[in-house]
Amino acid sequence: RGKDEKFKARMPRLRMVRDYKDKRRSSDDVERNIFKLKRSSDEKSKKMEKEEKFFRETFMYDKEIRVLTTATAECSVPSQRRVDLPVTAGEHLDVIDAVQGHAVICRNSQGRYGYVLVEHLNFR
């Protein structure tokens, strides 16, 4: 009987340890998912910084980047040059600067900058 009592006493302890390990595994999975999200946001911010650096070098823009207004593209326009921003119909753009002529400098949701003709934008 002494051996049976020891065995019965150990069984609940093992079950508790297993339950704890299962809970710990599930919390570790959640933490891993959080780290994946942080990595993707870090990659996105690095890409945005790279685009901003390219924009400043190409357009010789040394002022602070501020959004003047937002606009929606009325039609799809492919880019002819690297400095032109390719636009799809219905895309929301941030207007950064209004230059002389019929073009404005815009930024799309991916962080790319470029010239867009005013005729292709709707400022509502």
C-alpha atoms as a PDB file:
ATOM      1  CA  ARG A   1       0.000   0.000   0.000  1.00  0.00           C
ATOM      2  CA  GLY A   2       2.871   2.406   0.626  1.00  0.00           C
ATOM      3  CA  LYS A   3       3.932   2.220  -3.013  1.00  0.00           C
ATOM      4  CA  ASP A   4       0.360   2.811  -4.270  1.00  0.00           C
ATOM      5  CA  GLU A   5      -0.036   5.936  -2.146  1.00  0.00           C
ATOM      6  CA  LYS A   6       3.188   7.419  -3.487  1.00  0.00           C
ATOM      7  CA  PHE A   7       2.092   6.685  -7.037  1.00  0.00           C
ATOM      8  CA  LYS A   8      -1.306   8.331  -6.514  1.00  0.00           C
ATOM      9  CA  ALA A   9       0.334  11.408  -5.035  1.00  0.00           C
ATOM     10  CA  ARG A  10       2.566  11.861  -8.065  1.00  0.00           C
ATOM     11  CA  MET A  11      -0.150  11.639 -10.709  1.00  0.00           C
ATOM     12  CA  PRO A  12      -1.783  15.023 -10.020  1.00  0.00           C
ATOM     13  CA  ARG A  13       1.620  16.714  -9.991  1.00  0.00           C
ATOM     14  CA  LEU A  14       2.486  15.377 -13.425  1.00  0.00           C
ATOM     15  CA  ARG A  15      -0.846  16.506 -14.812  1.00  0.00           C
ATOM     16  CA  MET A  16      -0.301  19.990 -13.452  1.00  0.00           C
ATOM     17  CA  VAL A  17       3.148  20.160 -15.020  1.00  0.00           C
ATOM     18  CA  ARG A  18       1.790  19.054 -18.393  1.00  0.00           C
ATOM     19  CA  ASP A  19      -0.994  21.617 -18.253  1.00  0.00           C
ATOM     20  CA  TYR A  20       1.512  24.317 -17.411  1.00  0.00           C
ATOM     21  CA  LYS A  21       3.734  23.310 -20.339  1.00  0.00           C
ATOM     22  CA  ASP A  22       0.755  23.465 -22.715  1.00  0.00           C
ATOM     23  CA  LYS A  23      -0.158  26.940 -21.503  1.00  0.00           C
ATOM     24  CA  ARG A  24       3.442  28.059 -21.780  1.00  0.00           C
ATOM     25  CA  ARG A  25       3.690  26.814 -25.359  1.00  0.00           C
ATOM     26  CA  SER A  26       0.576  28.696 -26.387  1.00  0.00           C
ATOM     27  CA  SER A  27       1.889  31.926 -24.836  1.00  0.00           C
ATOM     28  CA  ASP A  28       5.243  31.445 -26.601  1.00  0.00           C
ATOM     29  CA  ASP A  29       3.411  31.152 -29.937  1.00  0.00           C
ATOM     30  CA  VAL A  30       1.652  34.449 -29.272  1.00  0.00           C
ATOM     31  CA  GLU A  31       4.950  36.156 -28.466  1.00  0.00           C
ATOM     32  CA  ARG A  32       6.492  34.821 -31.671  1.00  0.00           C
ATOM     33  CA  ASN A  33       3.637  36.301 -33.694  1.00  0.00           C
ATOM     34  CA  ILE A  34       4.229  39.682 -32.053  1.00  0.00           C
ATOM     35  CA  PHE A  35       7.879  39.571 -33.029  1.00  0.00           C
ATOM     36  CA  LYS A  36       6.947  38.791 -36.639  1.00  0.00           C
ATOM     37  CA  LEU A  37       4.739  41.879 -36.733  1.00  0.00           C
ATOM     38  CA  LYS A  38       7.555  43.994 -35.338  1.00  0.00           C
ATOM     39  CA  ARG A  39       9.941  42.696 -37.991  1.00  0.00           C
ATOM     40  CA  SER A  40       7.566  43.555 -40.810  1.00  0.00           C
ATOM     41  CA  SER A  41       6.999  47.051 -39.429  1.00  0.00           C
ATOM     42  CA  ASP A  42      10.770  47.511 -39.096  1.00  0.00           C
ATOM     43  CA  GLU A  43      11.248  46.423 -42.699  1.00  0.00           C
ATOM     44  CA  LYS A  44       8.493  48.781 -43.797  1.00  0.00           C
ATOM     45  CA  SER A  45      10.015  51.721 -41.926  1.00  0.00           C
ATOM     46  CA  LYS A  46      13.435  50.987 -43.454  1.00  0.00           C
ATOM     47  CA  LYS A  47      11.843  50.934 -46.909  1.00  0.00           C
ATOM     48  CA  MET A  48      10.085  54.250 -46.191  1.00  0.00           C
ATOM     49  CA  GLU A  49      13.393  55.795 -45.061  1.00  0.00           C
ATOM     50  CA  LYS A  50      15.066  54.552 -48.249  1.00  0.00           C
ATOM     51  CA  GLU A  51      12.302  56.073 -50.400  1.00  0.00           C
ATOM     52  CA  GLU A  52      12.518  59.357 -48.496  1.00  0.00           C
ATOM     53  CA  LYS A  53      16.297  59.470 -48.969  1.00  0.00           C
ATOM     54  CA  PHE A  54      15.888  58.824 -52.700  1.00  0.00           C
ATOM     55  CA  PHE A  55      13.227  61.536 -52.870  1.00  0.00           C
ATOM     56  CA  ARG A  56      15.433  64.113 -51.143  1.00  0.00           C
ATOM     57  CA  GLU A  57      18.389  63.342 -53.420  1.00  0.00           C
ATOM     58  CA  THR A  58      16.404  63.250 -56.667  1.00  0.00           C
ATOM     59  CA  PHE A  59      14.192  66.280 -56.070  1.00  0.00           C
ATOM     60  CA  MET A  60      16.834  68.217 -54.065  1.00  0.00           C
ATOM     61  CA  TYR A  61      14.172  68.671 -51.384  1.00  0.00           C
ATOM     62  CA  ASP A  62      15.688  69.909 -48.125  1.00  0.00           C
ATOM     63  CA  LYS A  63      12.514  71.255 -46.473  1.00  0.00           C
ATOM     64  CA  GLU A  64      10.461  69.383 -43.903  1.00  0.00           C
ATOM     65  CA  ILE A  65       8.106  66.884 -45.523  1.00  0.00           C
ATOM     66  CA  ARG A  66       4.583  67.990 -44.618  1.00  0.00           C
ATOM     67  CA  VAL A  67       1.303  66.852 -46.108  1.00  0.00           C
ATOM     68  CA  LEU A  68      -0.534  69.848 -47.553  1.00  0.00           C
ATOM     69  CA  THR A  69      -3.687  67.957 -48.513  1.00  0.00           C
ATOM     70  CA  THR A  70      -4.877  64.575 -49.704  1.00  0.00           C
ATOM     71  CA  ALA A  71      -6.160  63.747 -53.152  1.00  0.00           C
ATOM     72  CA  THR A  72      -7.669  60.807 -54.980  1.00  0.00           C
ATOM     73  CA  ALA A  73      -6.506  59.686 -58.405  1.00  0.00           C
ATOM     74  CA  GLU A  74      -9.241  59.849 -61.025  1.00  0.00           C
ATOM     75  CA  CYS A  75      -7.591  57.535 -63.553  1.00  0.00           C
ATOM     76  CA  SER A  76      -4.668  55.134 -63.827  1.00  0.00           C
ATOM     77  CA  VAL A  77      -1.472  56.635 -65.179  1.00  0.00           C
ATOM     78  CA  PRO A  78       1.769  54.691 -65.696  1.00  0.00           C
ATOM     79  CA  SER A  79       5.010  56.505 -64.997  1.00  0.00           C
ATOM     80  CA  GLN A  80       7.085  57.684 -67.951  1.00  0.00           C
ATOM     81  CA  ARG A  81      10.165  58.547 -65.867  1.00  0.00           C
ATOM     82  CA  ARG A  82      11.514  57.521 -62.460  1.00  0.00           C
ATOM     83  CA  VAL A  83      10.490  60.884 -60.993  1.00  0.00           C
ATOM     84  CA  ASP A  84       6.860  60.369 -62.055  1.00  0.00           C
ATOM     85  CA  LEU A  85       4.650  58.489 -59.637  1.00  0.00           C
ATOM     86  CA  PRO A  86       2.603  55.651 -61.166  1.00  0.00           C
ATOM     87  CA  VAL A  87      -1.011  56.056 -60.086  1.00  0.00           C
ATOM     88  CA  THR A  88      -4.019  53.729 -60.115  1.00  0.00           C
ATOM     89  CA  ALA A  89      -7.623  54.941 -60.230  1.00  0.00           C
ATOM     90  CA  GLY A  90      -9.073  55.567 -56.770  1.00  0.00           C
ATOM     91  CA  GLU A  91      -5.702  55.599 -55.013  1.00  0.00           C
ATOM     92  CA  HIS A  92      -5.326  58.065 -52.136  1.00  0.00           C
ATOM     93  CA  LEU A  93      -2.264  60.312 -52.340  1.00  0.00           C
ATOM     94  CA  ASP A  94      -0.696  62.794 -49.931  1.00  0.00           C
ATOM     95  CA  VAL A  95       0.217  66.068 -51.628  1.00  0.00           C
ATOM     96  CA  ILE A  96       3.629  67.129 -50.321  1.00  0.00           C
ATOM     97  CA  ASP A  97       4.466  70.175 -52.419  1.00  0.00           C
ATOM     98  CA  ALA A  98       2.901  72.169 -55.225  1.00  0.00           C
ATOM     99  CA  VAL A  99       5.519  73.075 -57.812  1.00  0.00           C
ATOM    100  CA  GLN A 100       5.096  75.541 -60.625  1.00  0.00           C
ATOM    101  CA  GLY A 101       3.276  74.179 -63.610  1.00  0.00           C
ATOM    102  CA  HIS A 102       0.680  71.431 -63.779  1.00  0.00           C
ATOM    103  CA  ALA A 103       2.367  68.898 -61.486  1.00  0.00           C
ATOM    104  CA  VAL A 104       2.457  68.328 -57.729  1.00  0.00           C
ATOM    105  CA  ILE A 105       4.753  66.159 -55.648  1.00  0.00           C
ATOM    106  CA  CYS A 106       2.774  63.330 -54.074  1.00  0.00           C
ATOM    107  CA  ARG A 107       3.369  60.326 -51.837  1.00  0.00           C
ATOM    108  CA  ASN A 108       1.408  57.087 -52.184  1.00  0.00           C
ATOM    109  CA  SER A 109       0.551  54.545 -49.479  1.00  0.00           C
ATOM    110  CA  GLN A 110       3.748  52.540 -50.139  1.00  0.00           C
ATOM    111  CA  GLY A 111       5.858  55.623 -49.391  1.00  0.00           C
ATOM    112  CA  ARG A 112       6.981  56.369 -52.960  1.00  0.00           C
ATOM    113  CA  TYR A 113       7.270  59.991 -54.026  1.00  0.00           C
ATOM    114  CA  GLY A 114       6.896  61.512 -57.462  1.00  0.00           C
ATOM    115  CA  TYR A 115       5.275  64.039 -59.736  1.00  0.00           C
ATOM    116  CA  VAL A 116       1.579  63.679 -60.591  1.00  0.00           C
ATOM    117  CA  LEU A 117      -0.301  65.947 -62.981  1.00  0.00           C
ATOM    118  CA  VAL A 118      -3.082  67.973 -61.386  1.00  0.00           C
ATOM    119  CA  GLU A 119      -5.486  66.889 -64.138  1.00  0.00           C
ATOM    120  CA  HIS A 120      -5.354  63.307 -62.819  1.00  0.00           C
ATOM    121  CA  LEU A 121      -6.232  64.245 -59.215  1.00  0.00           C
ATOM    122  CA  ASN A 122      -9.472  64.977 -57.410  1.00  0.00           C
ATOM    123  CA  PHE A 123      -9.058  67.257 -54.361  1.00  0.00           C
ATOM    124  CA  ARG A 124     -12.295  66.547 -52.454  1.00  0.00           C
END
